[in-house]
Amino acid sequence: MTELRASDADRDRVAERLRTAAGEGRLSSDELEERLEGAFAARTQAELEPLTADLPQAPRPARPRRRRRPDLGPYVGVSVMLVAIWALTGMGYFWPVWPILGWGISFVGPGSLRGPCRRRSFNPASSTGRWPSSRAAGPGSGGRLH
């Protein structure tokens, strides 16, 4: 990075790195102010490099790990068990296909990407918790409104 022009994003990235280093105690407030002035006055990448040369490299953010579905293990286990039962009982009509497909649909449907279902919250102001109007005609009222 020699004489390439520095963009606003480059200057902001260096300034953020300097602020982080100051927050960690690596730079005094005077050093921070001096280096920030230099960062925002820099025109080229070469002018930005010496401002962070004596600081450790910024850690890269960890890649988010893909979450494995908690019900995948039992699905595979039950599927293997069903195929084993089928194989041990004479290998006739392949009946395990139906429970395997039935349960397997939950892995490819649109709801499978969102995670588990959320429960409906309980509303203590409602006597039955079903409809807002059911409070007036609650249990024991005979369906009459008061």
Foldseek 3Di string as FASTA:
>chain_A
DAFAFDDPVNLVVLLVVLVVCVVVVNDPPVLSVVLNVQSVPDTGVNSSCVSCVPPDDDDDDDDDDDDDAPCPVVLVVVLVVLVVVCVVVPVDPSVSVVVNVVVCVCCPDPVVVVDDDDDDDADPQAQVRPDPVCRQVDPPNVSDGD
